[in-house]
Amino acid sequence: MGEAAKCSTYPHPNDVDRKRIERALADRARYRYVSPAVLATEGGYWIQSPCCSRNIDKSGGVIDIARLEYVGAPFAWRLYRKDHARQEWRLYCEFSNLSLLLQQLNQDPERIFWQ
């Protein structure tokens, strides 16, 4: 398989969308005073941040916030939340595009990502 075929088959992670996610997180509703990290992972991105509320990590260490996975049509993106008690990722919702996913992640009305 040539490089062009690999790129079209596996479009994520890539630096353009990783930077787009980083910029979008600046508009989040919660914990705006910490700096989350957006890391590349197989098929998507992984977001970590210092635990400023101390709800998950009493020492304020870095915790998992969300995992974004590109899966293709009809729902191109999956958003996962971390079940910290069980130390496992749980599917939260599927989205047709990255913008809608980031909007939900930033608003976090149920406070399940930015705890």
PDB file of N, CA and C in Angstrom:
ATOM      1  N   MET A   1       0.845  -1.175   0.000  1.00  0.00           N
ATOM      2  CA  MET A   1       0.000   0.000   0.000  1.00  0.00           C
ATOM      3  C   MET A   1       0.887   1.234   0.000  1.00  0.00           C
ATOM      4  N   GLY A   2       0.622   2.181  -0.883  1.00  0.00           N
ATOM      5  CA  GLY A   2       1.425   3.394  -0.976  1.00  0.00           C
ATOM      6  C   GLY A   2       1.072   4.392   0.116  1.00  0.00           C
ATOM      7  N   GLU A   3       1.917   5.402   0.267  1.00  0.00           N
ATOM      8  CA  GLU A   3       1.700   6.424   1.295  1.00  0.00           C
ATOM      9  C   GLU A   3       0.390   7.178   1.087  1.00  0.00           C
ATOM     10  N   ALA A   4       0.021   7.481  -0.146  1.00  0.00           N
ATOM     11  CA  ALA A   4      -1.228   8.207  -0.411  1.00  0.00           C
ATOM     12  C   ALA A   4      -2.420   7.403   0.072  1.00  0.00           C
ATOM     13  N   ALA A   5      -2.403   6.106  -0.136  1.00  0.00           N
ATOM     14  CA  ALA A   5      -3.510   5.257   0.311  1.00  0.00           C
ATOM     15  C   ALA A   5      -3.586   5.228   1.829  1.00  0.00           C
ATOM     16  N   LYS A   6      -2.446   5.174   2.504  1.00  0.00           N
ATOM     17  CA  LYS A   6      -2.436   5.168   3.965  1.00  0.00           C
ATOM     18  C   LYS A   6      -3.035   6.459   4.508  1.00  0.00           C
ATOM     19  N   CYS A   7      -2.687   7.589   3.904  1.00  0.00           N
ATOM     20  CA  CYS A   7      -3.176   8.874   4.382  1.00  0.00           C
ATOM     21  C   CYS A   7      -4.692   8.972   4.264  1.00  0.00           C
ATOM     22  N   SER A   8      -5.261   8.481   3.172  1.00  0.00           N
ATOM     23  CA  SER A   8      -6.704   8.581   3.013  1.00  0.00           C
ATOM     24  C   SER A   8      -7.441   7.576   3.900  1.00  0.00           C
ATOM     25  N   THR A   9      -6.819   6.457   4.215  1.00  0.00           N
ATOM     26  CA  THR A   9      -7.446   5.454   5.060  1.00  0.00           C
ATOM     27  C   THR A   9      -7.378   5.832   6.535  1.00  0.00           C
ATOM     28  N   TYR A  10      -6.301   6.441   6.959  1.00  0.00           N
ATOM     29  CA  TYR A  10      -6.073   6.797   8.357  1.00  0.00           C
ATOM     30  C   TYR A  10      -5.821   8.296   8.485  1.00  0.00           C
ATOM     31  N   PRO A  11      -6.885   9.110   8.403  1.00  0.00           N
ATOM     32  CA  PRO A  11      -6.674  10.562   8.432  1.00  0.00           C
ATOM     33  C   PRO A  11      -6.383  11.133   9.821  1.00  0.00           C
ATOM     34  N   HIS A  12      -6.534  10.337  10.850  1.00  0.00           N
ATOM     35  CA  HIS A  12      -6.319  10.842  12.207  1.00  0.00           C
ATOM     36  C   HIS A  12      -5.467   9.867  12.986  1.00  0.00           C
ATOM     37  N   PRO A  13      -4.595  10.388  13.795  1.00  0.00           N
ATOM     38  CA  PRO A  13      -4.400  11.780  14.169  1.00  0.00           C
ATOM     39  C   PRO A  13      -3.578  12.547  13.126  1.00  0.00           C
ATOM     40  N   ASN A  14      -3.722  13.859  13.146  1.00  0.00           N
ATOM     41  CA  ASN A  14      -2.884  14.737  12.332  1.00  0.00           C
ATOM     42  C   ASN A  14      -2.692  16.046  13.090  1.00  0.00           C
ATOM     43  N   ASP A  15      -1.635  16.755  12.772  1.00  0.00           N
ATOM     44  CA  ASP A  15      -1.304  17.974  13.512  1.00  0.00           C
ATOM     45  C   ASP A  15      -2.300  19.101  13.290  1.00  0.00           C
ATOM     46  N   VAL A  16      -2.905  19.173  12.110  1.00  0.00           N
ATOM     47  CA  VAL A  16      -3.867  20.241  11.833  1.00  0.00           C
ATOM     48  C   VAL A  16      -5.073  20.131  12.776  1.00  0.00           C
ATOM     49  N   ASP A  17      -5.658  18.946  12.859  1.00  0.00           N
ATOM     50  CA  ASP A  17      -6.814  18.776  13.746  1.00  0.00           C
ATOM     51  C   ASP A  17      -6.423  18.797  15.210  1.00  0.00           C
ATOM     52  N   ARG A  18      -5.235  18.330  15.541  1.00  0.00           N
ATOM     53  CA  ARG A  18      -4.786  18.403  16.940  1.00  0.00           C
ATOM     54  C   ARG A  18      -4.716  19.862  17.386  1.00  0.00           C
ATOM     55  N   LYS A  19      -4.171  20.723  16.543  1.00  0.00           N
ATOM     56  CA  LYS A  19      -4.095  22.159  16.857  1.00  0.00           C
ATOM     57  C   LYS A  19      -5.490  22.776  16.898  1.00  0.00           C
ATOM     58  N   ARG A  20      -6.370  22.342  16.007  1.00  0.00           N
ATOM     59  CA  ARG A  20      -7.752  22.830  15.987  1.00  0.00           C
ATOM     60  C   ARG A  20      -8.448  22.496  17.312  1.00  0.00           C
ATOM     61  N   ILE A  21      -8.226  21.293  17.813  1.00  0.00           N
ATOM     62  CA  ILE A  21      -8.809  20.879  19.091  1.00  0.00           C
ATOM     63  C   ILE A  21      -8.237  21.719  20.228  1.00  0.00           C
ATOM     64  N   GLU A  22      -6.929  21.938  20.224  1.00  0.00           N
ATOM     65  CA  GLU A  22      -6.294  22.764  21.252  1.00  0.00           C
ATOM     66  C   GLU A  22      -6.898  24.166  21.278  1.00  0.00           C
ATOM     67  N   ARG A  23      -7.063  24.775  20.095  1.00  0.00           N
ATOM     68  CA  ARG A  23      -7.641  26.123  20.024  1.00  0.00           C
ATOM     69  C   ARG A  23      -9.093  26.123  20.518  1.00  0.00           C
ATOM     70  N   ALA A  24      -9.852  25.114  20.144  1.00  0.00           N
ATOM     71  CA  ALA A  24     -11.259  25.042  20.544  1.00  0.00           C
ATOM     72  C   ALA A  24     -11.399  24.914  22.055  1.00  0.00           C
ATOM     73  N   LEU A  25     -10.502  24.200  22.705  1.00  0.00           N
ATOM     74  CA  LEU A  25     -10.594  23.988  24.155  1.00  0.00           C
ATOM     75  C   LEU A  25     -10.441  25.290  24.945  1.00  0.00           C
ATOM     76  N   ALA A  26      -9.897  26.314  24.324  1.00  0.00           N
ATOM     77  CA  ALA A  26      -9.781  27.614  24.986  1.00  0.00           C
ATOM     78  C   ALA A  26     -11.161  28.217  25.263  1.00  0.00           C
ATOM     79  N   ASP A  27     -12.186  27.746  24.552  1.00  0.00           N
ATOM     80  CA  ASP A  27     -13.548  28.255  24.718  1.00  0.00           C
ATOM     81  C   ASP A  27     -14.403  27.409  25.660  1.00  0.00           C
ATOM     82  N   ARG A  28     -13.805  26.492  26.387  1.00  0.00           N
ATOM     83  CA  ARG A  28     -14.593  25.626  27.265  1.00  0.00           C
ATOM     84  C   ARG A  28     -15.193  26.426  28.422  1.00  0.00           C
ATOM     85  N   ALA A  29     -16.273  25.906  28.948  1.00  0.00           N
ATOM     86  CA  ALA A  29     -16.996  26.593  30.032  1.00  0.00           C
ATOM     87  C   ALA A  29     -16.356  26.359  31.397  1.00  0.00           C
ATOM     88  N   ARG A  30     -15.699  25.229  31.588  1.00  0.00           N
ATOM     89  CA  ARG A  30     -15.167  24.862  32.902  1.00  0.00           C
ATOM     90  C   ARG A  30     -13.637  24.806  32.910  1.00  0.00           C
ATOM     91  N   TYR A  31     -13.088  25.072  34.088  1.00  0.00           N
ATOM     92  CA  TYR A  31     -11.640  24.942  34.338  1.00  0.00           C
ATOM     93  C   TYR A  31     -10.789  25.628  33.273  1.00  0.00           C
ATOM     94  N   ARG A  32     -11.117  26.873  33.031  1.00  0.00           N
ATOM     95  CA  ARG A  32     -10.413  27.650  32.009  1.00  0.00           C
ATOM     96  C   ARG A  32      -9.006  28.051  32.450  1.00  0.00           C
ATOM     97  N   TYR A  33      -8.676  27.886  33.713  1.00  0.00           N
ATOM     98  CA  TYR A  33      -7.387  28.326  34.226  1.00  0.00           C
ATOM     99  C   TYR A  33      -6.323  27.235  34.188  1.00  0.00           C
ATOM    100  N   VAL A  34      -6.648  26.055  33.670  1.00  0.00           N
ATOM    101  CA  VAL A  34      -5.644  25.005  33.487  1.00  0.00           C
ATOM    102  C   VAL A  34      -5.375  24.837  31.995  1.00  0.00           C
ATOM    103  N   SER A  35      -4.264  24.242  31.674  1.00  0.00           N
ATOM    104  CA  SER A  35      -3.883  24.039  30.277  1.00  0.00           C
ATOM    105  C   SER A  35      -3.960  22.556  29.932  1.00  0.00           C
ATOM    106  N   PRO A  36      -5.018  22.161  29.226  1.00  0.00           N
ATOM    107  CA  PRO A  36      -5.131  20.752  28.835  1.00  0.00           C
ATOM    108  C   PRO A  36      -4.126  20.410  27.731  1.00  0.00           C
ATOM    109  N   ALA A  37      -3.786  19.148  27.645  1.00  0.00           N
ATOM    110  CA  ALA A  37      -2.899  18.650  26.589  1.00  0.00           C
ATOM    111  C   ALA A  37      -3.721  17.793  25.635  1.00  0.00           C
ATOM    112  N   VAL A  38      -3.496  17.987  24.344  1.00  0.00           N
ATOM    113  CA  VAL A  38      -4.149  17.171  23.319  1.00  0.00           C
ATOM    114  C   VAL A  38      -3.074  16.280  22.719  1.00  0.00           C
ATOM    115  N   LEU A  39      -3.208  14.997  22.939  1.00  0.00           N
ATOM    116  CA  LEU A  39      -2.213  14.027  22.496  1.00  0.00           C
ATOM    117  C   LEU A  39      -2.765  13.186  21.349  1.00  0.00           C
ATOM    118  N   ALA A  40      -1.897  12.820  20.431  1.00  0.00           N
ATOM    119  CA  ALA A  40      -2.292  11.934  19.333  1.00  0.00           C
ATOM    120  C   ALA A  40      -2.357  10.505  19.855  1.00  0.00           C
ATOM    121  N   THR A  41      -3.374   9.783  19.440  1.00  0.00           N
ATOM    122  CA  THR A  41      -3.525   8.381  19.773  1.00  0.00           C
ATOM    123  C   THR A  41      -4.071   7.672  18.543  1.00  0.00           C
ATOM    124  N   GLU A  42      -3.991   6.379  18.496  1.00  0.00           N
ATOM    125  CA  GLU A  42      -4.426   5.638  17.322  1.00  0.00           C
ATOM    126  C   GLU A  42      -5.871   5.973  16.962  1.00  0.00           C
ATOM    127  N   GLY A  43      -6.072   6.531  15.781  1.00  0.00           N
ATOM    128  CA  GLY A  43      -7.403   6.851  15.290  1.00  0.00           C
ATOM    129  C   GLY A  43      -8.026   8.106  15.855  1.00  0.00           C
ATOM    130  N   GLY A  44      -7.267   8.900  16.620  1.00  0.00           N
ATOM    131  CA  GLY A  44      -7.865  10.108  17.170  1.00  0.00           C
ATOM    132  C   GLY A  44      -6.970  10.866  18.125  1.00  0.00           C
ATOM    133  N   TYR A  45      -7.583  11.338  19.215  1.00  0.00           N
ATOM    134  CA  TYR A  45      -6.909  12.248  20.134  1.00  0.00           C
ATOM    135  C   TYR A  45      -7.330  11.945  21.570  1.00  0.00           C
ATOM    136  N   TRP A  46      -6.466  12.302  22.482  1.00  0.00           N
ATOM    137  CA  TRP A  46      -6.655  12.035  23.897  1.00  0.00           C
ATOM    138  C   TRP A  46      -6.388  13.339  24.626  1.00  0.00           C
ATOM    139  N   ILE A  47      -7.304  13.755  25.480  1.00  0.00           N
ATOM    140  CA  ILE A  47      -7.176  15.020  26.191  1.00  0.00           C
ATOM    141  C   ILE A  47      -6.954  14.740  27.665  1.00  0.00           C
ATOM    142  N   GLN A  48      -5.909  15.368  28.195  1.00  0.00           N
ATOM    143  CA  GLN A  48      -5.580  15.280  29.615  1.00  0.00           C
ATOM    144  C   GLN A  48      -5.478  16.696  30.165  1.00  0.00           C
ATOM    145  N   SER A  49      -5.665  16.822  31.476  1.00  0.00           N
ATOM    146  CA  SER A  49      -5.568  18.133  32.109  1.00  0.00           C
ATOM    147  C   SER A  49      -5.269  17.962  33.590  1.00  0.00           C
ATOM    148  N   PRO A  50      -4.617  18.962  34.190  1.00  0.00           N
ATOM    149  CA  PRO A  50      -4.484  18.929  35.646  1.00  0.00           C
ATOM    150  C   PRO A  50      -5.872  18.918  36.288  1.00  0.00           C
ATOM    151  N   CYS A  51      -6.011  18.216  37.377  1.00  0.00           N
ATOM    152  CA  CYS A  51      -7.292  18.083  38.089  1.00  0.00           C
ATOM    153  C   CYS A  51      -7.398  19.201  39.122  1.00  0.00           C
ATOM    154  N   CYS A  52      -7.892  20.343  38.676  1.00  0.00           N
ATOM    155  CA  CYS A  52      -7.927  21.497  39.574  1.00  0.00           C
ATOM    156  C   CYS A  52      -9.018  21.408  40.624  1.00  0.00           C
ATOM    157  N   SER A  53     -10.078  20.640  40.375  1.00  0.00           N
ATOM    158  CA  SER A  53     -11.160  20.516  41.360  1.00  0.00           C
ATOM    159  C   SER A  53     -10.778  19.590  42.509  1.00  0.00           C
ATOM    160  N   ARG A  54      -9.803  18.719  42.263  1.00  0.00           N
ATOM    161  CA  ARG A  54      -9.357  17.698  43.218  1.00  0.00           C
ATOM    162  C   ARG A  54     -10.433  16.634  43.465  1.00  0.00           C
ATOM    163  N   ASN A  55     -11.461  16.589  42.614  1.00  0.00           N
ATOM    164  CA  ASN A  55     -12.511  15.565  42.733  1.00  0.00           C
ATOM    165  C   ASN A  55     -12.002  14.186  42.335  1.00  0.00           C
ATOM    166  N   ILE A  56     -11.136  14.124  41.352  1.00  0.00           N
ATOM    167  CA  ILE A  56     -10.626  12.851  40.851  1.00  0.00           C
ATOM    168  C   ILE A  56      -9.256  12.543  41.451  1.00  0.00           C
ATOM    169  N   ASP A  57      -8.387  13.526  41.441  1.00  0.00           N
ATOM    170  CA  ASP A  57      -7.032  13.365  41.977  1.00  0.00           C
ATOM    171  C   ASP A  57      -6.822  14.409  43.065  1.00  0.00           C
ATOM    172  N   LYS A  58      -6.771  13.964  44.292  1.00  0.00           N
ATOM    173  CA  LYS A  58      -6.655  14.869  45.448  1.00  0.00           C
ATOM    174  C   LYS A  58      -5.399  15.737  45.401  1.00  0.00           C
ATOM    175  N   SER A  59      -4.362  15.262  44.712  1.00  0.00           N
ATOM    176  CA  SER A  59      -3.124  16.032  44.634  1.00  0.00           C
ATOM    177  C   SER A  59      -3.111  17.000  43.461  1.00  0.00           C
ATOM    178  N   GLY A  60      -4.164  16.978  42.629  1.00  0.00           N
ATOM    179  CA  GLY A  60      -4.225  17.899  41.493  1.00  0.00           C
ATOM    180  C   GLY A  60      -3.412  17.448  40.301  1.00  0.00           C
ATOM    181  N   GLY A  61      -3.092  16.162  40.248  1.00  0.00           N
ATOM    182  CA  GLY A  61      -2.300  15.638  39.137  1.00  0.00           C
ATOM    183  C   GLY A  61      -3.061  15.636  37.819  1.00  0.00           C
ATOM    184  N   VAL A  62      -2.395  15.222  36.779  1.00  0.00           N
ATOM    185  CA  VAL A  62      -2.971  15.182  35.441  1.00  0.00           C
ATOM    186  C   VAL A  62      -3.922  13.988  35.338  1.00  0.00           C
ATOM    187  N   ILE A  63      -5.133  14.248  34.806  1.00  0.00           N
ATOM    188  CA  ILE A  63      -6.141  13.194  34.643  1.00  0.00           C
ATOM    189  C   ILE A  63      -6.636  13.159  33.198  1.00  0.00           C
ATOM    190  N   ASP A  64      -7.251  12.061  32.826  1.00  0.00           N
ATOM    191  CA  ASP A  64      -7.870  11.928  31.507  1.00  0.00           C
ATOM    192  C   ASP A  64      -9.180  12.700  31.498  1.00  0.00           C
ATOM    193  N   ILE A  65      -9.393  13.464  30.433  1.00  0.00           N
ATOM    194  CA  ILE A  65     -10.618  14.237  30.272  1.00  0.00           C
ATOM    195  C   ILE A  65     -11.525  13.582  29.234  1.00  0.00           C
ATOM    196  N   ALA A  66     -10.982  13.327  28.039  1.00  0.00           N
ATOM    197  CA  ALA A  66     -11.792  12.781  26.946  1.00  0.00           C
ATOM    198  C   ALA A  66     -10.903  12.098  25.923  1.00  0.00           C
ATOM    199  N   ARG A  67     -11.550  11.228  25.154  1.00  0.00           N
ATOM    200  CA  ARG A  67     -10.890  10.597  24.010  1.00  0.00           C
ATOM    201  C   ARG A  67     -11.790  10.816  22.813  1.00  0.00           C
ATOM    202  N   LEU A  68     -11.213  11.251  21.709  1.00  0.00           N
ATOM    203  CA  LEU A  68     -11.927  11.506  20.462  1.00  0.00           C
ATOM    204  C   LEU A  68     -11.444  10.491  19.450  1.00  0.00           C
ATOM    205  N   GLU A  69     -12.370   9.816  18.801  1.00  0.00           N
ATOM    206  CA  GLU A  69     -12.007   8.758  17.863  1.00  0.00           C
ATOM    207  C   GLU A  69     -12.698   9.008  16.525  1.00  0.00           C
ATOM    208  N   TYR A  70     -11.925   9.030  15.459  1.00  0.00           N
ATOM    209  CA  TYR A  70     -12.483   9.173  14.122  1.00  0.00           C
ATOM    210  C   TYR A  70     -12.832   7.785  13.599  1.00  0.00           C
ATOM    211  N   VAL A  71     -14.104   7.594  13.186  1.00  0.00           N
ATOM    212  CA  VAL A  71     -14.546   6.278  12.713  1.00  0.00           C
ATOM    213  C   VAL A  71     -15.141   6.310  11.311  1.00  0.00           C
ATOM    214  N   GLY A  72     -15.361   7.467  10.730  1.00  0.00           N
ATOM    215  CA  GLY A  72     -15.939   7.557   9.390  1.00  0.00           C
ATOM    216  C   GLY A  72     -17.461   7.592   9.423  1.00  0.00           C
ATOM    217  N   ALA A  73     -18.066   7.656   8.242  1.00  0.00           N
ATOM    218  CA  ALA A  73     -19.523   7.827   8.092  1.00  0.00           C
ATOM    219  C   ALA A  73     -20.289   6.642   8.651  1.00  0.00           C
ATOM    220  N   PRO A  74     -21.538   6.797   9.057  1.00  0.00           N
ATOM    221  CA  PRO A  74     -22.332   8.028   9.049  1.00  0.00           C
ATOM    222  C   PRO A  74     -22.018   8.950  10.223  1.00  0.00           C
ATOM    223  N   PHE A  75     -21.583   8.419  11.342  1.00  0.00           N
ATOM    224  CA  PHE A  75     -21.137   9.253  12.454  1.00  0.00           C
ATOM    225  C   PHE A  75     -19.627   9.207  12.453  1.00  0.00           C
ATOM    226  N   ALA A  76     -19.015  10.302  12.060  1.00  0.00           N
ATOM    227  CA  ALA A  76     -17.576  10.329  11.848  1.00  0.00           C
ATOM    228  C   ALA A  76     -16.771  10.296  13.140  1.00  0.00           C
ATOM    229  N   TRP A  77     -17.335  10.793  14.229  1.00  0.00           N
ATOM    230  CA  TRP A  77     -16.575  10.950  15.465  1.00  0.00           C
ATOM    231  C   TRP A  77     -17.288  10.329  16.663  1.00  0.00           C
ATOM    232  N   ARG A  78     -16.491   9.721  17.530  1.00  0.00           N
ATOM    233  CA  ARG A  78     -16.987   9.225  18.817  1.00  0.00           C
ATOM    234  C   ARG A  78     -16.275   9.986  19.924  1.00  0.00           C
ATOM    235  N   LEU A  79     -17.049  10.358  20.923  1.00  0.00           N
ATOM    236  CA  LEU A  79     -16.516  11.047  22.086  1.00  0.00           C
ATOM    237  C   LEU A  79     -16.654  10.121  23.286  1.00  0.00           C
ATOM    238  N   TYR A  80     -15.539   9.883  23.952  1.00  0.00           N
ATOM    239  CA  TYR A  80     -15.507   9.010  25.121  1.00  0.00           C
ATOM    240  C   TYR A  80     -15.217   9.833  26.376  1.00  0.00           C
ATOM    241  N   ARG A  81     -15.821   9.425  27.474  1.00  0.00           N
ATOM    242  CA  ARG A  81     -15.527  10.017  28.770  1.00  0.00           C
ATOM    243  C   ARG A  81     -14.788   8.974  29.600  1.00  0.00           C
ATOM    244  N   LYS A  82     -14.033   9.421  30.571  1.00  0.00           N
ATOM    245  CA  LYS A  82     -13.302   8.493  31.428  1.00  0.00           C
ATOM    246  C   LYS A  82     -14.127   8.183  32.669  1.00  0.00           C
ATOM    247  N   ASP A  83     -14.366   6.916  32.898  1.00  0.00           N
ATOM    248  CA  ASP A  83     -14.970   6.461  34.149  1.00  0.00           C
ATOM    249  C   ASP A  83     -13.785   6.253  35.092  1.00  0.00           C
ATOM    250  N   HIS A  84     -13.523   7.256  35.896  1.00  0.00           N
ATOM    251  CA  HIS A  84     -12.328   7.232  36.748  1.00  0.00           C
ATOM    252  C   HIS A  84     -12.401   6.159  37.821  1.00  0.00           C
ATOM    253  N   ALA A  85     -13.584   5.846  38.303  1.00  0.00           N
ATOM    254  CA  ALA A  85     -13.728   4.813  39.337  1.00  0.00           C
ATOM    255  C   ALA A  85     -13.320   3.444  38.796  1.00  0.00           C
ATOM    256  N   ARG A  86     -13.659   3.185  37.538  1.00  0.00           N
ATOM    257  CA  ARG A  86     -13.332   1.884  36.924  1.00  0.00           C
ATOM    258  C   ARG A  86     -12.087   1.930  36.048  1.00  0.00           C
ATOM    259  N   GLN A  87     -11.538   3.120  35.880  1.00  0.00           N
ATOM    260  CA  GLN A  87     -10.351   3.305  35.043  1.00  0.00           C
ATOM    261  C   GLN A  87     -10.562   2.780  33.621  1.00  0.00           C
ATOM    262  N   GLU A  88     -11.718   3.170  33.017  1.00  0.00           N
ATOM    263  CA  GLU A  88     -11.988   2.751  31.640  1.00  0.00           C
ATOM    264  C   GLU A  88     -12.726   3.846  30.895  1.00  0.00           C
ATOM    265  N   TRP A  89     -12.575   3.818  29.579  1.00  0.00           N
ATOM    266  CA  TRP A  89     -13.252   4.769  28.709  1.00  0.00           C
ATOM    267  C   TRP A  89     -14.664   4.284  28.433  1.00  0.00           C
ATOM    268  N   ARG A  90     -15.627   5.213  28.446  1.00  0.00           N
ATOM    269  CA  ARG A  90     -17.034   4.924  28.155  1.00  0.00           C
ATOM    270  C   ARG A  90     -17.482   5.799  26.990  1.00  0.00           C
ATOM    271  N   LEU A  91     -18.128   5.198  26.010  1.00  0.00           N
ATOM    272  CA  LEU A  91     -18.655   5.971  24.884  1.00  0.00           C
ATOM    273  C   LEU A  91     -19.730   6.925  25.397  1.00  0.00           C
ATOM    274  N   TYR A  92     -19.575   8.198  25.075  1.00  0.00           N
ATOM    275  CA  TYR A  92     -20.543   9.210  25.482  1.00  0.00           C
ATOM    276  C   TYR A  92     -21.541   9.474  24.356  1.00  0.00           C
ATOM    277  N   CYS A  93     -21.034   9.730  23.144  1.00  0.00           N
ATOM    278  CA  CYS A  93     -21.918  10.067  22.034  1.00  0.00           C
ATOM    279  C   CYS A  93     -21.140  10.011  20.723  1.00  0.00           C
ATOM    280  N   GLU A  94     -21.891   9.930  19.620  1.00  0.00           N
ATOM    281  CA  GLU A  94     -21.305   9.974  18.282  1.00  0.00           C
ATOM    282  C   GLU A  94     -21.755  11.261  17.606  1.00  0.00           C
ATOM    283  N   PHE A  95     -20.874  11.819  16.781  1.00  0.00           N
ATOM    284  CA  PHE A  95     -21.127  13.100  16.127  1.00  0.00           C
ATOM    285  C   PHE A  95     -20.795  13.003  14.646  1.00  0.00           C
ATOM    286  N   SER A  96     -21.510  13.784  13.849  1.00  0.00           N
ATOM    287  CA  SER A  96     -21.273  13.780  12.406  1.00  0.00           C
ATOM    288  C   SER A  96     -20.040  14.585  12.026  1.00  0.00           C
ATOM    289  N   ASN A  97     -19.609  15.506  12.902  1.00  0.00           N
ATOM    290  CA  ASN A  97     -18.393  16.266  12.601  1.00  0.00           C
ATOM    291  C   ASN A  97     -17.680  16.691  13.884  1.00  0.00           C
ATOM    292  N   LEU A  98     -16.437  17.069  13.721  1.00  0.00           N
ATOM    293  CA  LEU A  98     -15.589  17.420  14.859  1.00  0.00           C
ATOM    294  C   LEU A  98     -16.080  18.684  15.566  1.00  0.00           C
ATOM    295  N   SER A  99     -16.614  19.639  14.837  1.00  0.00           N
ATOM    296  CA  SER A  99     -17.090  20.888  15.447  1.00  0.00           C
ATOM    297  C   SER A  99     -18.197  20.632  16.461  1.00  0.00           C
ATOM    298  N   LEU A 100     -19.147  19.781  16.108  1.00  0.00           N
ATOM    299  CA  LEU A 100     -20.234  19.455  17.037  1.00  0.00           C
ATOM    300  C   LEU A 100     -19.707  18.754  18.283  1.00  0.00           C
ATOM    301  N   LEU A 101     -18.768  17.855  18.105  1.00  0.00           N
ATOM    302  CA  LEU A 101     -18.160  17.147  19.232  1.00  0.00           C
ATOM    303  C   LEU A 101     -17.475  18.144  20.163  1.00  0.00           C
ATOM    304  N   LEU A 102     -16.685  19.050  19.611  1.00  0.00           N
ATOM    305  CA  LEU A 102     -15.957  20.016  20.431  1.00  0.00           C
ATOM    306  C   LEU A 102     -16.906  20.962  21.163  1.00  0.00           C
ATOM    307  N   GLN A 103     -18.000  21.303  20.519  1.00  0.00           N
ATOM    308  CA  GLN A 103     -19.000  22.153  21.159  1.00  0.00           C
ATOM    309  C   GLN A 103     -19.569  21.460  22.404  1.00  0.00           C
ATOM    310  N   GLN A 104     -19.896  20.200  22.287  1.00  0.00           N
ATOM    311  CA  GLN A 104     -20.423  19.435  23.424  1.00  0.00           C
ATOM    312  C   GLN A 104     -19.374  19.291  24.523  1.00  0.00           C
ATOM    313  N   LEU A 105     -18.156  18.971  24.140  1.00  0.00           N
ATOM    314  CA  LEU A 105     -17.070  18.815  25.103  1.00  0.00           C
ATOM    315  C   LEU A 105     -16.819  20.124  25.856  1.00  0.00           C
ATOM    316  N   ASN A 106     -16.853  21.230  25.159  1.00  0.00           N
ATOM    317  CA  ASN A 106     -16.603  22.529  25.795  1.00  0.00           C
ATOM    318  C   ASN A 106     -17.736  22.959  26.720  1.00  0.00           C
ATOM    319  N   GLN A 107     -18.971  22.678  26.349  1.00  0.00           N
ATOM    320  CA  GLN A 107     -20.104  23.069  27.194  1.00  0.00           C
ATOM    321  C   GLN A 107     -20.224  22.145  28.403  1.00  0.00           C
ATOM    322  N   ASP A 108     -20.056  20.865  28.180  1.00  0.00           N
ATOM    323  CA  ASP A 108     -20.100  19.849  29.239  1.00  0.00           C
ATOM    324  C   ASP A 108     -21.209  20.106  30.264  1.00  0.00           C
ATOM    325  N   PRO A 109     -22.470  20.159  29.807  1.00  0.00           N
ATOM    326  CA  PRO A 109     -23.563  20.503  30.720  1.00  0.00           C
ATOM    327  C   PRO A 109     -23.761  19.515  31.867  1.00  0.00           C
ATOM    328  N   GLU A 110     -23.372  18.261  31.671  1.00  0.00           N
ATOM    329  CA  GLU A 110     -23.532  17.249  32.724  1.00  0.00           C
ATOM    330  C   GLU A 110     -22.302  17.136  33.614  1.00  0.00           C
ATOM    331  N   ARG A 111     -21.272  17.888  33.283  1.00  0.00           N
ATOM    332  CA  ARG A 111     -20.016  17.910  34.043  1.00  0.00           C
ATOM    333  C   ARG A 111     -19.402  16.524  34.179  1.00  0.00           C
ATOM    334  N   ILE A 112     -19.338  15.820  33.036  1.00  0.00           N
ATOM    335  CA  ILE A 112     -18.743  14.479  33.079  1.00  0.00           C
ATOM    336  C   ILE A 112     -17.340  14.443  32.486  1.00  0.00           C
ATOM    337  N   PHE A 113     -16.945  15.514  31.799  1.00  0.00           N
ATOM    338  CA  PHE A 113     -15.588  15.573  31.257  1.00  0.00           C
ATOM    339  C   PHE A 113     -14.707  16.422  32.172  1.00  0.00           C
ATOM    340  N   TRP A 114     -15.091  17.670  32.348  1.00  0.00           N
ATOM    341  CA  TRP A 114     -14.335  18.613  33.177  1.00  0.00           C
ATOM    342  C   TRP A 114     -14.877  18.506  34.604  1.00  0.00           C
ATOM    343  N   GLN A 115     -14.413  17.500  35.328  1.00  0.00           N
ATOM    344  CA  GLN A 115     -14.906  17.224  36.680  1.00  0.00           C
ATOM    345  C   GLN A 115     -14.100  17.999  37.675  1.00  0.00           C
TER     346      GLN A 115
END
